Amino acid sequence: MPNLKGLTFYGNPVSEYGIENGYVDYAALAKSFDAVLCNEMASRWGETMELVHGEIENEYGDYVDIFQYYIISDTGYEILKYWCPDEIVFYDEELNVYIWGVTHFGTAWSYVLTDIKIENKTEE
């Protein structure tokens, strides 16, 4: 699945901030797959939505705060699963969709970094 080439992630440019710090930013990550903001999905948690990737509890047993929910494509789920082991993804069986739970808020995504190092340039 690797597709980090030059200073792009799946063909999407990494921000200057990401380049300066050596990591892919969330703006480039989110552009690599289809995502539709749908915060109403939060009400489905526990009913038809189940956690399929990441952890929703921290080391103290408290639930992490999820500020935004995005319906994502199957490709988005595969990208997050491969590159971002800590990202929270749910699956809604009734709607047959994956939901990305975003845990940061208030900062432009070009200034929020993932754990994906830029220097690990690979091609596939």
PDB file of N, CA and C in Angstrom:
ATOM      1  N   MET A   1       0.797  -1.206   0.000  1.00  0.00           N
ATOM      2  CA  MET A   1       0.000   0.000   0.000  1.00  0.00           C
ATOM      3  C   MET A   1       0.843   1.276   0.000  1.00  0.00           C
ATOM      4  N   PRO A   2       2.134   1.273   0.276  1.00  0.00           N
ATOM      5  CA  PRO A   2       2.902   2.522   0.350  1.00  0.00           C
ATOM      6  C   PRO A   2       2.747   3.389  -0.891  1.00  0.00           C
ATOM      7  N   ASN A   3       2.517   4.671  -0.666  1.00  0.00           N
ATOM      8  CA  ASN A   3       2.413   5.625  -1.751  1.00  0.00           C
ATOM      9  C   ASN A   3       2.836   7.001  -1.252  1.00  0.00           C
ATOM     10  N   LEU A   4       4.015   7.065  -0.694  1.00  0.00           N
ATOM     11  CA  LEU A   4       4.603   8.316  -0.237  1.00  0.00           C
ATOM     12  C   LEU A   4       5.769   8.585  -1.166  1.00  0.00           C
ATOM     13  N   LYS A   5       5.673   9.659  -1.937  1.00  0.00           N
ATOM     14  CA  LYS A   5       6.639   9.894  -2.991  1.00  0.00           C
ATOM     15  C   LYS A   5       7.022  11.369  -2.975  1.00  0.00           C
ATOM     16  N   GLY A   6       8.290  11.650  -2.904  1.00  0.00           N
ATOM     17  CA  GLY A   6       8.719  13.042  -2.869  1.00  0.00           C
ATOM     18  C   GLY A   6       8.139  13.734  -1.652  1.00  0.00           C
ATOM     19  N   LEU A   7       7.501  14.851  -1.871  1.00  0.00           N
ATOM     20  CA  LEU A   7       6.869  15.590  -0.778  1.00  0.00           C
ATOM     21  C   LEU A   7       5.360  15.572  -0.935  1.00  0.00           C
ATOM     22  N   THR A   8       4.869  14.441  -1.444  1.00  0.00           N
ATOM     23  CA  THR A   8       3.426  14.263  -1.579  1.00  0.00           C
ATOM     24  C   THR A   8       3.013  12.973  -0.884  1.00  0.00           C
ATOM     25  N   PHE A   9       1.745  12.900  -0.555  1.00  0.00           N
ATOM     26  CA  PHE A   9       1.166  11.692   0.022  1.00  0.00           C
ATOM     27  C   PHE A   9      -0.028  11.331  -0.860  1.00  0.00           C
ATOM     28  N   TYR A  10       0.072  10.218  -1.569  1.00  0.00           N
ATOM     29  CA  TYR A  10      -0.943   9.806  -2.536  1.00  0.00           C
ATOM     30  C   TYR A  10      -1.246  10.934  -3.519  1.00  0.00           C
ATOM     31  N   GLY A  11      -0.197  11.630  -3.955  1.00  0.00           N
ATOM     32  CA  GLY A  11      -0.336  12.690  -4.935  1.00  0.00           C
ATOM     33  C   GLY A  11      -0.742  14.037  -4.366  1.00  0.00           C
ATOM     34  N   ASN A  12      -0.933  14.129  -3.064  1.00  0.00           N
ATOM     35  CA  ASN A  12      -1.344  15.376  -2.431  1.00  0.00           C
ATOM     36  C   ASN A  12      -0.156  16.013  -1.728  1.00  0.00           C
ATOM     37  N   PRO A  13       0.096  17.302  -1.999  1.00  0.00           N
ATOM     38  CA  PRO A  13       1.278  17.945  -1.421  1.00  0.00           C
ATOM     39  C   PRO A  13       1.219  18.033   0.098  1.00  0.00           C
ATOM     40  N   VAL A  14       2.354  17.771   0.713  1.00  0.00           N
ATOM     41  CA  VAL A  14       2.501  17.941   2.152  1.00  0.00           C
ATOM     42  C   VAL A  14       2.706  19.434   2.405  1.00  0.00           C
ATOM     43  N   SER A  15       2.126  19.958   3.474  1.00  0.00           N
ATOM     44  CA  SER A  15       2.242  21.384   3.786  1.00  0.00           C
ATOM     45  C   SER A  15       3.685  21.762   4.106  1.00  0.00           C
ATOM     46  N   GLU A  16       3.979  23.059   4.021  1.00  0.00           N
ATOM     47  CA  GLU A  16       5.311  23.541   4.397  1.00  0.00           C
ATOM     48  C   GLU A  16       5.623  23.174   5.838  1.00  0.00           C
ATOM     49  N   TYR A  17       4.626  23.287   6.706  1.00  0.00           N
ATOM     50  CA  TYR A  17       4.812  22.926   8.113  1.00  0.00           C
ATOM     51  C   TYR A  17       5.182  21.447   8.240  1.00  0.00           C
ATOM     52  N   GLY A  18       4.512  20.594   7.478  1.00  0.00           N
ATOM     53  CA  GLY A  18       4.834  19.176   7.490  1.00  0.00           C
ATOM     54  C   GLY A  18       6.231  18.895   6.990  1.00  0.00           C
ATOM     55  N   ILE A  19       6.609  19.579   5.916  1.00  0.00           N
ATOM     56  CA  ILE A  19       7.947  19.407   5.353  1.00  0.00           C
ATOM     57  C   ILE A  19       9.008  19.841   6.364  1.00  0.00           C
ATOM     58  N   GLU A  20       8.802  21.008   6.996  1.00  0.00           N
ATOM     59  CA  GLU A  20       9.754  21.517   7.988  1.00  0.00           C
ATOM     60  C   GLU A  20       9.933  20.555   9.155  1.00  0.00           C
ATOM     61  N   ASN A  21       8.860  19.865   9.526  1.00  0.00           N
ATOM     62  CA  ASN A  21       8.909  18.969  10.677  1.00  0.00           C
ATOM     63  C   ASN A  21       9.096  17.502  10.311  1.00  0.00           C
ATOM     64  N   GLY A  22       9.061  17.191   9.007  1.00  0.00           N
ATOM     65  CA  GLY A  22       9.350  15.837   8.547  1.00  0.00           C
ATOM     66  C   GLY A  22       8.202  14.851   8.615  1.00  0.00           C
ATOM     67  N   TYR A  23       6.948  15.352   8.706  1.00  0.00           N
ATOM     68  CA  TYR A  23       5.797  14.460   8.798  1.00  0.00           C
ATOM     69  C   TYR A  23       4.673  14.920   7.875  1.00  0.00           C
ATOM     70  N   VAL A  24       3.895  13.970   7.399  1.00  0.00           N
ATOM     71  CA  VAL A  24       2.714  14.265   6.596  1.00  0.00           C
ATOM     72  C   VAL A  24       1.685  14.945   7.498  1.00  0.00           C
ATOM     73  N   ASP A  25       1.044  15.988   6.975  1.00  0.00           N
ATOM     74  CA  ASP A  25       0.001  16.687   7.735  1.00  0.00           C
ATOM     75  C   ASP A  25      -1.370  16.071   7.454  1.00  0.00           C
ATOM     76  N   TYR A  26      -2.334  16.389   8.318  1.00  0.00           N
ATOM     77  CA  TYR A  26      -3.678  15.832   8.175  1.00  0.00           C
ATOM     78  C   TYR A  26      -4.380  16.317   6.912  1.00  0.00           C
ATOM     79  N   ALA A  27      -4.047  17.504   6.429  1.00  0.00           N
ATOM     80  CA  ALA A  27      -4.668  17.993   5.192  1.00  0.00           C
ATOM     81  C   ALA A  27      -4.306  17.075   4.027  1.00  0.00           C
ATOM     82  N   ALA A  28      -3.025  16.726   3.899  1.00  0.00           N
ATOM     83  CA  ALA A  28      -2.596  15.819   2.830  1.00  0.00           C
ATOM     84  C   ALA A  28      -3.194  14.428   3.028  1.00  0.00           C
ATOM     85  N   LEU A  29      -3.225  13.970   4.281  1.00  0.00           N
ATOM     86  CA  LEU A  29      -3.812  12.662   4.572  1.00  0.00           C
ATOM     87  C   LEU A  29      -5.278  12.623   4.155  1.00  0.00           C
ATOM     88  N   ALA A  30      -6.057  13.610   4.587  1.00  0.00           N
ATOM     89  CA  ALA A  30      -7.496  13.607   4.309  1.00  0.00           C
ATOM     90  C   ALA A  30      -7.810  13.752   2.824  1.00  0.00           C
ATOM     91  N   LYS A  31      -6.941  14.413   2.073  1.00  0.00           N
ATOM     92  CA  LYS A  31      -7.161  14.557   0.632  1.00  0.00           C
ATOM     93  C   LYS A  31      -6.879  13.253  -0.117  1.00  0.00           C
ATOM     94  N   SER A  32      -6.248  12.296   0.543  1.00  0.00           N
ATOM     95  CA  SER A  32      -5.884  11.052  -0.134  1.00  0.00           C
ATOM     96  C   SER A  32      -7.058  10.078  -0.254  1.00  0.00           C
ATOM     97  N   PHE A  33      -8.199  10.417   0.335  1.00  0.00           N
ATOM     98  CA  PHE A  33      -9.391   9.577   0.221  1.00  0.00           C
ATOM     99  C   PHE A  33     -10.638  10.443   0.384  1.00  0.00           C
ATOM    100  N   ASP A  34     -11.780   9.886   0.021  1.00  0.00           N
ATOM    101  CA  ASP A  34     -13.041  10.606   0.149  1.00  0.00           C
ATOM    102  C   ASP A  34     -13.475  10.644   1.602  1.00  0.00           C
ATOM    103  N   ALA A  35     -13.833  11.847   2.078  1.00  0.00           N
ATOM    104  CA  ALA A  35     -14.320  12.010   3.450  1.00  0.00           C
ATOM    105  C   ALA A  35     -15.423  13.061   3.450  1.00  0.00           C
ATOM    106  N   VAL A  36     -16.529  12.742   4.102  1.00  0.00           N
ATOM    107  CA  VAL A  36     -17.663  13.653   4.183  1.00  0.00           C
ATOM    108  C   VAL A  36     -17.987  13.874   5.655  1.00  0.00           C
ATOM    109  N   LEU A  37     -17.940  15.136   6.079  1.00  0.00           N
ATOM    110  CA  LEU A  37     -18.260  15.466   7.466  1.00  0.00           C
ATOM    111  C   LEU A  37     -19.686  15.039   7.775  1.00  0.00           C
ATOM    112  N   CYS A  38     -19.847  14.321   8.873  1.00  0.00           N
ATOM    113  CA  CYS A  38     -21.168  13.822   9.250  1.00  0.00           C
ATOM    114  C   CYS A  38     -21.194  13.602  10.761  1.00  0.00           C
ATOM    115  N   ASN A  39     -21.213  14.696  11.512  1.00  0.00           N
ATOM    116  CA  ASN A  39     -21.160  14.591  12.967  1.00  0.00           C
ATOM    117  C   ASN A  39     -22.379  13.911  13.573  1.00  0.00           C
ATOM    118  N   GLU A  40     -23.456  13.784  12.807  1.00  0.00           N
ATOM    119  CA  GLU A  40     -24.636  13.096  13.299  1.00  0.00           C
ATOM    120  C   GLU A  40     -24.369  11.609  13.563  1.00  0.00           C
ATOM    121  N   MET A  41     -23.274  11.100  13.006  1.00  0.00           N
ATOM    122  CA  MET A  41     -22.932   9.687  13.198  1.00  0.00           C
ATOM    123  C   MET A  41     -22.636   9.373  14.657  1.00  0.00           C
ATOM    124  N   ALA A  42     -22.271  10.370  15.449  1.00  0.00           N
ATOM    125  CA  ALA A  42     -21.939  10.142  16.854  1.00  0.00           C
ATOM    126  C   ALA A  42     -23.092   9.473  17.590  1.00  0.00           C
ATOM    127  N   SER A  43     -24.307   9.773  17.209  1.00  0.00           N
ATOM    128  CA  SER A  43     -25.470   9.203  17.901  1.00  0.00           C
ATOM    129  C   SER A  43     -25.634   7.711  17.614  1.00  0.00           C
ATOM    130  N   ARG A  44     -24.960   7.202  16.610  1.00  0.00           N
ATOM    131  CA  ARG A  44     -25.087   5.790  16.242  1.00  0.00           C
ATOM    132  C   ARG A  44     -24.106   4.880  16.985  1.00  0.00           C
ATOM    133  N   TRP A  45     -23.134   5.500  17.690  1.00  0.00           N
ATOM    134  CA  TRP A  45     -22.137   4.717  18.412  1.00  0.00           C
ATOM    135  C   TRP A  45     -22.832   3.805  19.415  1.00  0.00           C
ATOM    136  N   GLY A  46     -22.501   2.538  19.370  1.00  0.00           N
ATOM    137  CA  GLY A  46     -23.075   1.559  20.280  1.00  0.00           C
ATOM    138  C   GLY A  46     -24.340   0.917  19.756  1.00  0.00           C
ATOM    139  N   GLU A  47     -24.993   1.545  18.788  1.00  0.00           N
ATOM    140  CA  GLU A  47     -26.200   0.960  18.196  1.00  0.00           C
ATOM    141  C   GLU A  47     -25.823   0.108  16.990  1.00  0.00           C
ATOM    142  N   THR A  48     -25.391   0.772  15.940  1.00  0.00           N
ATOM    143  CA  THR A  48     -25.021   0.032  14.731  1.00  0.00           C
ATOM    144  C   THR A  48     -23.565   0.266  14.348  1.00  0.00           C
ATOM    145  N   MET A  49     -22.862   1.124  15.106  1.00  0.00           N
ATOM    146  CA  MET A  49     -21.482   1.473  14.801  1.00  0.00           C
ATOM    147  C   MET A  49     -20.540   0.743  15.750  1.00  0.00           C
ATOM    148  N   GLU A  50     -19.524   0.079  15.204  1.00  0.00           N
ATOM    149  CA  GLU A  50     -18.552  -0.588  16.053  1.00  0.00           C
ATOM    150  C   GLU A  50     -17.140  -0.125  15.714  1.00  0.00           C
ATOM    151  N   LEU A  51     -16.288  -0.103  16.708  1.00  0.00           N
ATOM    152  CA  LEU A  51     -14.896   0.280  16.518  1.00  0.00           C
ATOM    153  C   LEU A  51     -14.168  -0.821  15.752  1.00  0.00           C
ATOM    154  N   VAL A  52     -13.478  -0.445  14.660  1.00  0.00           N
ATOM    155  CA  VAL A  52     -12.730  -1.435  13.885  1.00  0.00           C
ATOM    156  C   VAL A  52     -11.241  -1.111  13.819  1.00  0.00           C
ATOM    157  N   HIS A  53     -10.841   0.099  14.265  1.00  0.00           N
ATOM    158  CA  HIS A  53      -9.439   0.476  14.207  1.00  0.00           C
ATOM    159  C   HIS A  53      -9.164   1.555  15.233  1.00  0.00           C
ATOM    160  N   GLY A  54      -8.018   1.459  15.898  1.00  0.00           N
ATOM    161  CA  GLY A  54      -7.629   2.451  16.894  1.00  0.00           C
ATOM    162  C   GLY A  54      -8.222   2.138  18.264  1.00  0.00           C
ATOM    163  N   GLU A  55      -7.993   3.032  19.186  1.00  0.00           N
ATOM    164  CA  GLU A  55      -8.472   2.871  20.564  1.00  0.00           C
ATOM    165  C   GLU A  55      -9.301   4.083  20.958  1.00  0.00           C
ATOM    166  N   ILE A  56     -10.433   3.851  21.620  1.00  0.00           N
ATOM    167  CA  ILE A  56     -11.250   4.976  22.059  1.00  0.00           C
ATOM    168  C   ILE A  56     -11.085   5.247  23.549  1.00  0.00           C
ATOM    169  N   GLU A  57     -10.238   4.451  24.194  1.00  0.00           N
ATOM    170  CA  GLU A  57      -9.920   4.694  25.604  1.00  0.00           C
ATOM    171  C   GLU A  57      -8.433   4.977  25.723  1.00  0.00           C
ATOM    172  N   ASN A  58      -8.104   5.919  26.606  1.00  0.00           N
ATOM    173  CA  ASN A  58      -6.685   6.212  26.830  1.00  0.00           C
ATOM    174  C   ASN A  58      -6.117   5.257  27.878  1.00  0.00           C
ATOM    175  N   GLU A  59      -4.863   5.472  28.247  1.00  0.00           N
ATOM    176  CA  GLU A  59      -4.197   4.562  29.187  1.00  0.00           C
ATOM    177  C   GLU A  59      -4.814   4.567  30.580  1.00  0.00           C
ATOM    178  N   TYR A  60      -5.657   5.569  30.865  1.00  0.00           N
ATOM    179  CA  TYR A  60      -6.313   5.665  32.178  1.00  0.00           C
ATOM    180  C   TYR A  60      -7.734   5.115  32.167  1.00  0.00           C
ATOM    181  N   GLY A  61      -8.153   4.590  31.013  1.00  0.00           N
ATOM    182  CA  GLY A  61      -9.496   4.028  30.905  1.00  0.00           C
ATOM    183  C   GLY A  61     -10.563   5.054  30.570  1.00  0.00           C
ATOM    184  N   ASP A  62     -10.149   6.289  30.295  1.00  0.00           N
ATOM    185  CA  ASP A  62     -11.106   7.334  29.915  1.00  0.00           C
ATOM    186  C   ASP A  62     -11.286   7.334  28.403  1.00  0.00           C
ATOM    187  N   TYR A  63     -12.501   7.663  27.972  1.00  0.00           N
ATOM    188  CA  TYR A  63     -12.743   7.778  26.538  1.00  0.00           C
ATOM    189  C   TYR A  63     -12.046   9.016  25.992  1.00  0.00           C
ATOM    190  N   VAL A  64     -11.448   8.883  24.807  1.00  0.00           N
ATOM    191  CA  VAL A  64     -10.836  10.037  24.154  1.00  0.00           C
ATOM    192  C   VAL A  64     -11.946  10.890  23.556  1.00  0.00           C
ATOM    193  N   ASP A  65     -11.688  12.169  23.423  1.00  0.00           N
ATOM    194  CA  ASP A  65     -12.664  13.071  22.825  1.00  0.00           C
ATOM    195  C   ASP A  65     -12.582  12.974  21.316  1.00  0.00           C
ATOM    196  N   ILE A  66     -13.722  12.744  20.695  1.00  0.00           N
ATOM    197  CA  ILE A  66     -13.829  12.770  19.241  1.00  0.00           C
ATOM    198  C   ILE A  66     -14.628  14.017  18.904  1.00  0.00           C
ATOM    199  N   PHE A  67     -14.010  14.896  18.129  1.00  0.00           N
ATOM    200  CA  PHE A  67     -14.623  16.186  17.839  1.00  0.00           C
ATOM    201  C   PHE A  67     -15.380  16.215  16.521  1.00  0.00           C
ATOM    202  N   GLN A  68     -14.977  15.377  15.570  1.00  0.00           N
ATOM    203  CA  GLN A  68     -15.645  15.342  14.276  1.00  0.00           C
ATOM    204  C   GLN A  68     -15.701  13.911  13.764  1.00  0.00           C
ATOM    205  N   TYR A  69     -16.777  13.620  13.055  1.00  0.00           N
ATOM    206  CA  TYR A  69     -16.962  12.314  12.437  1.00  0.00           C
ATOM    207  C   TYR A  69     -17.068  12.503  10.928  1.00  0.00           C
ATOM    208  N   TYR A  70     -16.329  11.676  10.200  1.00  0.00           N
ATOM    209  CA  TYR A  70     -16.345  11.728   8.742  1.00  0.00           C
ATOM    210  C   TYR A  70     -16.679  10.349   8.199  1.00  0.00           C
ATOM    211  N   ILE A  71     -17.623  10.292   7.290  1.00  0.00           N
ATOM    212  CA  ILE A  71     -17.839   9.062   6.532  1.00  0.00           C
ATOM    213  C   ILE A  71     -16.705   8.996   5.518  1.00  0.00           C
ATOM    214  N   ILE A  72     -16.023   7.853   5.476  1.00  0.00           N
ATOM    215  CA  ILE A  72     -14.886   7.708   4.571  1.00  0.00           C
ATOM    216  C   ILE A  72     -15.083   6.506   3.655  1.00  0.00           C
ATOM    217  N   SER A  73     -14.368   6.537   2.574  1.00  0.00           N
ATOM    218  CA  SER A  73     -14.416   5.445   1.598  1.00  0.00           C
ATOM    219  C   SER A  73     -13.675   4.222   2.137  1.00  0.00           C
ATOM    220  N   ASP A  74     -13.885   3.111   1.477  1.00  0.00           N
ATOM    221  CA  ASP A  74     -13.130   1.893   1.817  1.00  0.00           C
ATOM    222  C   ASP A  74     -11.630   2.154   1.678  1.00  0.00           C
ATOM    223  N   THR A  75     -11.251   2.916   0.652  1.00  0.00           N
ATOM    224  CA  THR A  75      -9.850   3.268   0.455  1.00  0.00           C
ATOM    225  C   THR A  75      -9.335   4.070   1.633  1.00  0.00           C
ATOM    226  N   GLY A  76     -10.144   4.994   2.128  1.00  0.00           N
ATOM    227  CA  GLY A  76      -9.763   5.780   3.302  1.00  0.00           C
ATOM    228  C   GLY A  76      -9.489   4.900   4.500  1.00  0.00           C
ATOM    229  N   TYR A  77     -10.348   3.915   4.705  1.00  0.00           N
ATOM    230  CA  TYR A  77     -10.136   2.985   5.813  1.00  0.00           C
ATOM    231  C   TYR A  77      -8.821   2.231   5.635  1.00  0.00           C
ATOM    232  N   GLU A  78      -8.551   1.757   4.422  1.00  0.00           N
ATOM    233  CA  GLU A  78      -7.316   1.015   4.168  1.00  0.00           C
ATOM    234  C   GLU A  78      -6.082   1.898   4.381  1.00  0.00           C
ATOM    235  N   ILE A  79      -6.148   3.155   3.939  1.00  0.00           N
ATOM    236  CA  ILE A  79      -5.027   4.071   4.136  1.00  0.00           C
ATOM    237  C   ILE A  79      -4.798   4.317   5.624  1.00  0.00           C
ATOM    238  N   LEU A  80      -5.866   4.600   6.361  1.00  0.00           N
ATOM    239  CA  LEU A  80      -5.720   4.843   7.801  1.00  0.00           C
ATOM    240  C   LEU A  80      -5.205   3.600   8.510  1.00  0.00           C
ATOM    241  N   LYS A  81      -5.712   2.442   8.131  1.00  0.00           N
ATOM    242  CA  LYS A  81      -5.276   1.195   8.770  1.00  0.00           C
ATOM    243  C   LYS A  81      -3.796   0.944   8.518  1.00  0.00           C
ATOM    244  N   TYR A  82      -3.324   1.227   7.312  1.00  0.00           N
ATOM    245  CA  TYR A  82      -1.925   0.963   6.961  1.00  0.00           C
ATOM    246  C   TYR A  82      -0.981   1.988   7.575  1.00  0.00           C
ATOM    247  N   TRP A  83      -1.299   3.267   7.432  1.00  0.00           N
ATOM    248  CA  TRP A  83      -0.375   4.337   7.791  1.00  0.00           C
ATOM    249  C   TRP A  83      -0.562   4.887   9.198  1.00  0.00           C
ATOM    250  N   CYS A  84      -1.749   4.797   9.764  1.00  0.00           N
ATOM    251  CA  CYS A  84      -2.066   5.523  11.000  1.00  0.00           C
ATOM    252  C   CYS A  84      -2.677   4.590  12.045  1.00  0.00           C
ATOM    253  N   PRO A  85      -1.854   3.839  12.756  1.00  0.00           N
ATOM    254  CA  PRO A  85      -2.382   2.844  13.700  1.00  0.00           C
ATOM    255  C   PRO A  85      -3.199   3.434  14.842  1.00  0.00           C
ATOM    256  N   ASP A  86      -3.040   4.709  15.125  1.00  0.00           N
ATOM    257  CA  ASP A  86      -3.771   5.312  16.240  1.00  0.00           C
ATOM    258  C   ASP A  86      -5.063   6.007  15.831  1.00  0.00           C
ATOM    259  N   GLU A  87      -5.319   6.128  14.542  1.00  0.00           N
ATOM    260  CA  GLU A  87      -6.552   6.797  14.113  1.00  0.00           C
ATOM    261  C   GLU A  87      -7.762   5.924  14.439  1.00  0.00           C
ATOM    262  N   ILE A  88      -8.834   6.562  14.850  1.00  0.00           N
ATOM    263  CA  ILE A  88     -10.054   5.857  15.240  1.00  0.00           C
ATOM    264  C   ILE A  88     -10.972   5.728  14.031  1.00  0.00           C
ATOM    265  N   VAL A  89     -11.366   4.495  13.751  1.00  0.00           N
ATOM    266  CA  VAL A  89     -12.297   4.234  12.650  1.00  0.00           C
ATOM    267  C   VAL A  89     -13.374   3.282  13.157  1.00  0.00           C
ATOM    268  N   PHE A  90     -14.613   3.645  12.858  1.00  0.00           N
ATOM    269  CA  PHE A  90     -15.768   2.814  13.173  1.00  0.00           C
ATOM    270  C   PHE A  90     -16.325   2.253  11.871  1.00  0.00           C
ATOM    271  N   TYR A  91     -17.142   1.213  12.009  1.00  0.00           N
ATOM    272  CA  TYR A  91     -17.882   0.692  10.865  1.00  0.00           C
ATOM    273  C   TYR A  91     -19.341   0.635  11.258  1.00  0.00           C
ATOM    274  N   ASP A  92     -20.205   1.169  10.401  1.00  0.00           N
ATOM    275  CA  ASP A  92     -21.647   1.114  10.627  1.00  0.00           C
ATOM    276  C   ASP A  92     -22.218   0.044   9.713  1.00  0.00           C
ATOM    277  N   GLU A  93     -22.594  -1.069  10.309  1.00  0.00           N
ATOM    278  CA  GLU A  93     -23.064  -2.214   9.529  1.00  0.00           C
ATOM    279  C   GLU A  93     -24.366  -1.911   8.797  1.00  0.00           C
ATOM    280  N   GLU A  94     -25.262  -1.201   9.446  1.00  0.00           N
ATOM    281  CA  GLU A  94     -26.548  -0.891   8.818  1.00  0.00           C
ATOM    282  C   GLU A  94     -26.386  -0.030   7.568  1.00  0.00           C
ATOM    283  N   LEU A  95     -25.492   0.962   7.637  1.00  0.00           N
ATOM    284  CA  LEU A  95     -25.269   1.855   6.506  1.00  0.00           C
ATOM    285  C   LEU A  95     -24.146   1.385   5.583  1.00  0.00           C
ATOM    286  N   ASN A  96     -23.374   0.394   6.023  1.00  0.00           N
ATOM    287  CA  ASN A  96     -22.254  -0.147   5.259  1.00  0.00           C
ATOM    288  C   ASN A  96     -21.235   0.943   4.917  1.00  0.00           C
ATOM    289  N   VAL A  97     -20.829   1.716   5.952  1.00  0.00           N
ATOM    290  CA  VAL A  97     -19.846   2.781   5.766  1.00  0.00           C
ATOM    291  C   VAL A  97     -18.849   2.777   6.917  1.00  0.00           C
ATOM    292  N   TYR A  98     -17.658   3.287   6.622  1.00  0.00           N
ATOM    293  CA  TYR A  98     -16.642   3.509   7.644  1.00  0.00           C
ATOM    294  C   TYR A  98     -16.745   4.956   8.117  1.00  0.00           C
ATOM    295  N   ILE A  99     -16.466   5.181   9.385  1.00  0.00           N
ATOM    296  CA  ILE A  99     -16.532   6.504   9.982  1.00  0.00           C
ATOM    297  C   ILE A  99     -15.218   6.785  10.691  1.00  0.00           C
ATOM    298  N   TRP A 100     -14.583   7.875  10.326  1.00  0.00           N
ATOM    299  CA  TRP A 100     -13.321   8.307  10.916  1.00  0.00           C
ATOM    300  C   TRP A 100     -13.630   9.259  12.059  1.00  0.00           C
ATOM    301  N   GLY A 101     -13.132   8.943  13.241  1.00  0.00           N
ATOM    302  CA  GLY A 101     -13.310   9.800  14.405  1.00  0.00           C
ATOM    303  C   GLY A 101     -12.079  10.669  14.608  1.00  0.00           C
ATOM    304  N   VAL A 102     -12.198  11.961  14.361  1.00  0.00           N
ATOM    305  CA  VAL A 102     -11.064  12.880  14.439  1.00  0.00           C
ATOM    306  C   VAL A 102     -10.972  13.456  15.848  1.00  0.00           C
ATOM    307  N   THR A 103      -9.790  13.361  16.437  1.00  0.00           N
ATOM    308  CA  THR A 103      -9.613  13.712  17.847  1.00  0.00           C
ATOM    309  C   THR A 103      -8.912  15.038  18.087  1.00  0.00           C
ATOM    310  N   HIS A 104      -8.758  15.841  17.053  1.00  0.00           N
ATOM    311  CA  HIS A 104      -8.185  17.180  17.253  1.00  0.00           C
ATOM    312  C   HIS A 104      -9.165  18.206  16.703  1.00  0.00           C
ATOM    313  N   PHE A 105      -9.084  19.422  17.248  1.00  0.00           N
ATOM    314  CA  PHE A 105     -10.074  20.436  16.904  1.00  0.00           C
ATOM    315  C   PHE A 105      -9.466  21.831  17.031  1.00  0.00           C
ATOM    316  N   GLY A 106      -9.819  22.703  16.109  1.00  0.00           N
ATOM    317  CA  GLY A 106      -9.451  24.099  16.244  1.00  0.00           C
ATOM    318  C   GLY A 106      -8.189  24.523  15.535  1.00  0.00           C
ATOM    319  N   THR A 107      -7.443  23.607  14.979  1.00  0.00           N
ATOM    320  CA  THR A 107      -6.210  23.939  14.276  1.00  0.00           C
ATOM    321  C   THR A 107      -6.359  23.508  12.820  1.00  0.00           C
ATOM    322  N   ALA A 108      -5.902  24.349  11.904  1.00  0.00           N
ATOM    323  CA  ALA A 108      -5.944  23.989  10.488  1.00  0.00           C
ATOM    324  C   ALA A 108      -5.209  22.664  10.282  1.00  0.00           C
ATOM    325  N   TRP A 109      -5.760  21.788   9.464  1.00  0.00           N
ATOM    326  CA  TRP A 109      -5.182  20.458   9.290  1.00  0.00           C
ATOM    327  C   TRP A 109      -3.800  20.491   8.674  1.00  0.00           C
ATOM    328  N   SER A 110      -3.438  21.569   8.012  1.00  0.00           N
ATOM    329  CA  SER A 110      -2.079  21.661   7.470  1.00  0.00           C
ATOM    330  C   SER A 110      -1.052  21.894   8.580  1.00  0.00           C
ATOM    331  N   TYR A 111      -1.529  22.179   9.806  1.00  0.00           N
ATOM    332  CA  TYR A 111      -0.637  22.362  10.956  1.00  0.00           C
ATOM    333  C   TYR A 111      -0.773  21.243  11.994  1.00  0.00           C
ATOM    334  N   VAL A 112      -1.505  20.197  11.660  1.00  0.00           N
ATOM    335  CA  VAL A 112      -1.609  19.027  12.540  1.00  0.00           C
ATOM    336  C   VAL A 112      -0.895  17.889  11.833  1.00  0.00           C
ATOM    337  N   LEU A 113       0.093  17.316  12.495  1.00  0.00           N
ATOM    338  CA  LEU A 113       0.926  16.301  11.851  1.00  0.00           C
ATOM    339  C   LEU A 113       0.500  14.893  12.233  1.00  0.00           C
ATOM    340  N   THR A 114       0.633  13.992  11.275  1.00  0.00           N
ATOM    341  CA  THR A 114       0.437  12.571  11.520  1.00  0.00           C
ATOM    342  C   THR A 114       1.758  11.993  12.027  1.00  0.00           C
ATOM    343  N   ASP A 115       1.804  10.699  12.198  1.00  0.00           N
ATOM    344  CA  ASP A 115       3.049  10.016  12.559  1.00  0.00           C
ATOM    345  C   ASP A 115       3.769   9.470  11.322  1.00  0.00           C
ATOM    346  N   ILE A 116       3.340   9.877  10.136  1.00  0.00           N
ATOM    347  CA  ILE A 116       3.918   9.372   8.890  1.00  0.00           C
ATOM    348  C   ILE A 116       5.132  10.225   8.540  1.00  0.00           C
ATOM    349  N   LYS A 117       6.307   9.639   8.656  1.00  0.00           N
ATOM    350  CA  LYS A 117       7.545  10.365   8.370  1.00  0.00           C
ATOM    351  C   LYS A 117       7.728  10.535   6.867  1.00  0.00           C
ATOM    352  N   ILE A 118       8.121  11.725   6.479  1.00  0.00           N
ATOM    353  CA  ILE A 118       8.353  12.014   5.065  1.00  0.00           C
ATOM    354  C   ILE A 118       9.593  11.310   4.557  1.00  0.00           C
ATOM    355  N   GLU A 119      10.613  11.173   5.381  1.00  0.00           N
ATOM    356  CA  GLU A 119      11.855  10.574   4.895  1.00  0.00           C
ATOM    357  C   GLU A 119      11.724   9.101   4.546  1.00  0.00           C
ATOM    358  N   ASN A 120      10.590   8.476   4.871  1.00  0.00           N
ATOM    359  CA  ASN A 120      10.370   7.088   4.475  1.00  0.00           C
ATOM    360  C   ASN A 120       9.760   7.051   3.082  1.00  0.00           C
ATOM    361  N   LYS A 121      10.453   7.619   2.119  1.00  0.00           N
ATOM    362  CA  LYS A 121       9.923   7.718   0.749  1.00  0.00           C
ATOM    363  C   LYS A 121       9.951   6.349   0.087  1.00  0.00           C
ATOM    364  N   THR A 122       8.790   5.911  -0.375  1.00  0.00           N
ATOM    365  CA  THR A 122       8.707   4.661  -1.094  1.00  0.00           C
ATOM    366  C   THR A 122       7.798   4.863  -2.287  1.00  0.00           C
ATOM    367  N   GLU A 123       7.918   3.983  -3.246  1.00  0.00           N
ATOM    368  CA  GLU A 123       7.041   3.999  -4.407  1.00  0.00           C
ATOM    369  C   GLU A 123       6.472   2.606  -4.589  1.00  0.00           C
ATOM    370  N   GLU A 124       5.303   2.551  -5.154  1.00  0.00           N
ATOM    371  CA  GLU A 124       4.710   1.254  -5.451  1.00  0.00           C
ATOM    372  C   GLU A 124       4.093   1.290  -6.812  1.00  0.00           C
TER     373      GLU A 124
END
